[in-house]
Amino acid sequence: MSGDKRCLDALLNLQPYLDGELSEADAEVVRRHFELCKPCSPALTYLRSFRDAVHRASSSDTLRAPDTLRSKLAEQLRDGA
């Protein structure tokens, strides 16, 4: 059961780990877990790939929202809608 808890803790901390939000000590625990735990390591690989794909897509001009939509959204955000 303790292994399951370690896996759950590592999986729950995966996003904060990749975002650099963990302390150095906590980040090291998560890094080591994914390095050593074969059942959990695909989650790290998947999330890194997903984040890379989102980053590539968001930096592409072909996927940019139309200016009119962007203006309407910005206006609604300013107005608190």
C-alpha atoms as a PDB file:
ATOM      1  CA  MET A   1       0.000   0.000   0.000  1.00  0.00           C
ATOM      2  CA  SER A   2       2.826   2.444   0.718  1.00  0.00           C
ATOM      3  CA  GLY A   3       3.983   2.062  -2.903  1.00  0.00           C
ATOM      4  CA  ASP A   4       0.505   3.005  -4.081  1.00  0.00           C
ATOM      5  CA  LYS A   5       0.595   6.112  -1.890  1.00  0.00           C
ATOM      6  CA  ARG A   6       3.999   7.095  -3.275  1.00  0.00           C
ATOM      7  CA  CYS A   7       2.663   6.664  -6.803  1.00  0.00           C
ATOM      8  CA  LEU A   8      -0.436   8.717  -6.023  1.00  0.00           C
ATOM      9  CA  ASP A   9       1.652  11.459  -4.419  1.00  0.00           C
ATOM     10  CA  ALA A  10       3.993  11.555  -7.418  1.00  0.00           C
ATOM     11  CA  LEU A  11       1.109  11.672  -9.899  1.00  0.00           C
ATOM     12  CA  LEU A  12      -0.641  14.437  -7.953  1.00  0.00           C
ATOM     13  CA  ASN A  13       2.594  16.441  -7.953  1.00  0.00           C
ATOM     14  CA  LEU A  14       3.428  15.850 -11.606  1.00  0.00           C
ATOM     15  CA  GLN A  15       1.919  19.083 -12.950  1.00  0.00           C
ATOM     16  CA  PRO A  16       3.442  21.260 -10.195  1.00  0.00           C
ATOM     17  CA  TYR A  17       6.767  19.472 -10.802  1.00  0.00           C
ATOM     18  CA  LEU A  18       6.727  20.282 -14.520  1.00  0.00           C
ATOM     19  CA  ASP A  19       5.643  23.852 -13.775  1.00  0.00           C
ATOM     20  CA  GLY A  20       8.607  24.319 -11.406  1.00  0.00           C
ATOM     21  CA  GLU A  21       6.306  24.965  -8.457  1.00  0.00           C
ATOM     22  CA  LEU A  22       7.812  22.412  -6.053  1.00  0.00           C
ATOM     23  CA  SER A  23      10.653  22.968  -3.640  1.00  0.00           C
ATOM     24  CA  GLU A  24      13.964  21.483  -4.717  1.00  0.00           C
ATOM     25  CA  ALA A  25      13.550  18.637  -2.225  1.00  0.00           C
ATOM     26  CA  ASP A  26       9.999  17.809  -3.345  1.00  0.00           C
ATOM     27  CA  ALA A  27      10.965  18.077  -7.000  1.00  0.00           C
ATOM     28  CA  GLU A  28      13.804  15.632  -6.424  1.00  0.00           C
ATOM     29  CA  VAL A  29      11.408  13.142  -4.785  1.00  0.00           C
ATOM     30  CA  VAL A  30       9.038  13.374  -7.757  1.00  0.00           C
ATOM     31  CA  ARG A  31      11.878  13.172 -10.302  1.00  0.00           C
ATOM     32  CA  ARG A  32      13.341  10.081  -8.640  1.00  0.00           C
ATOM     33  CA  HIS A  33       9.948   8.429  -8.405  1.00  0.00           C
ATOM     34  CA  PHE A  34       9.311   8.771 -12.131  1.00  0.00           C
ATOM     35  CA  GLU A  35      12.860   7.699 -12.872  1.00  0.00           C
ATOM     36  CA  LEU A  36      12.505   4.488 -10.856  1.00  0.00           C
ATOM     37  CA  CYS A  37       8.797   3.604 -11.078  1.00  0.00           C
ATOM     38  CA  LYS A  38       8.101   1.843 -14.369  1.00  0.00           C
ATOM     39  CA  PRO A  39       4.284   1.943 -13.992  1.00  0.00           C
ATOM     40  CA  CYS A  40       4.300   5.730 -13.419  1.00  0.00           C
ATOM     41  CA  SER A  41       6.926   6.794 -15.949  1.00  0.00           C
ATOM     42  CA  PRO A  42       4.513   6.806 -18.942  1.00  0.00           C
ATOM     43  CA  ALA A  43       2.460   9.519 -17.213  1.00  0.00           C
ATOM     44  CA  LEU A  44       5.495  11.819 -17.168  1.00  0.00           C
ATOM     45  CA  THR A  45       6.282  11.071 -20.806  1.00  0.00           C
ATOM     46  CA  TYR A  46       2.659  11.656 -21.827  1.00  0.00           C
ATOM     47  CA  LEU A  47       2.279  14.938 -19.946  1.00  0.00           C
ATOM     48  CA  ARG A  48       5.571  16.285 -21.291  1.00  0.00           C
ATOM     49  CA  SER A  49       4.504  15.373 -24.844  1.00  0.00           C
ATOM     50  CA  PHE A  50       1.078  16.919 -24.321  1.00  0.00           C
ATOM     51  CA  ARG A  51       2.572  20.145 -22.938  1.00  0.00           C
ATOM     52  CA  ASP A  52       5.024  20.306 -25.863  1.00  0.00           C
ATOM     53  CA  ALA A  53       2.167  19.855 -28.356  1.00  0.00           C
ATOM     54  CA  VAL A  54       0.088  22.571 -26.708  1.00  0.00           C
ATOM     55  CA  HIS A  55       3.077  24.894 -26.694  1.00  0.00           C
ATOM     56  CA  ARG A  56       3.770  24.246 -30.387  1.00  0.00           C
ATOM     57  CA  ALA A  57       0.104  24.772 -31.255  1.00  0.00           C
ATOM     58  CA  SER A  58      -0.174  27.960 -29.241  1.00  0.00           C
ATOM     59  CA  SER A  59       2.850  29.458 -30.968  1.00  0.00           C
ATOM     60  CA  SER A  60       1.467  28.705 -34.430  1.00  0.00           C
ATOM     61  CA  ASP A  61      -0.146  31.554 -36.351  1.00  0.00           C
ATOM     62  CA  THR A  62      -2.392  29.098 -38.189  1.00  0.00           C
ATOM     63  CA  LEU A  63      -4.223  28.297 -34.942  1.00  0.00           C
ATOM     64  CA  ARG A  64      -4.595  31.878 -33.808  1.00  0.00           C
ATOM     65  CA  ALA A  65      -8.125  32.989 -32.954  1.00  0.00           C
ATOM     66  CA  PRO A  66      -9.581  35.647 -35.249  1.00  0.00           C
ATOM     67  CA  ASP A  67      -8.906  39.215 -34.143  1.00  0.00           C
ATOM     68  CA  THR A  68     -12.626  39.919 -33.676  1.00  0.00           C
ATOM     69  CA  LEU A  69     -12.968  37.006 -31.257  1.00  0.00           C
ATOM     70  CA  ARG A  70      -9.820  38.024 -29.417  1.00  0.00           C
ATOM     71  CA  SER A  71     -11.139  41.592 -29.071  1.00  0.00           C
ATOM     72  CA  LYS A  72     -14.512  40.412 -27.754  1.00  0.00           C
ATOM     73  CA  LEU A  73     -12.847  38.130 -25.214  1.00  0.00           C
ATOM     74  CA  ALA A  74     -10.492  40.863 -24.062  1.00  0.00           C
ATOM     75  CA  GLU A  75     -13.438  43.229 -23.666  1.00  0.00           C
ATOM     76  CA  GLN A  76     -15.401  40.683 -21.636  1.00  0.00           C
ATOM     77  CA  LEU A  77     -12.398  40.039 -19.407  1.00  0.00           C
ATOM     78  CA  ARG A  78     -11.990  43.765 -18.798  1.00  0.00           C
ATOM     79  CA  ASP A  79     -15.696  44.112 -17.993  1.00  0.00           C
ATOM     80  CA  GLY A  80     -15.614  41.146 -15.628  1.00  0.00           C
ATOM     81  CA  ALA A  81     -18.105  39.120 -17.651  1.00  0.00           C
END
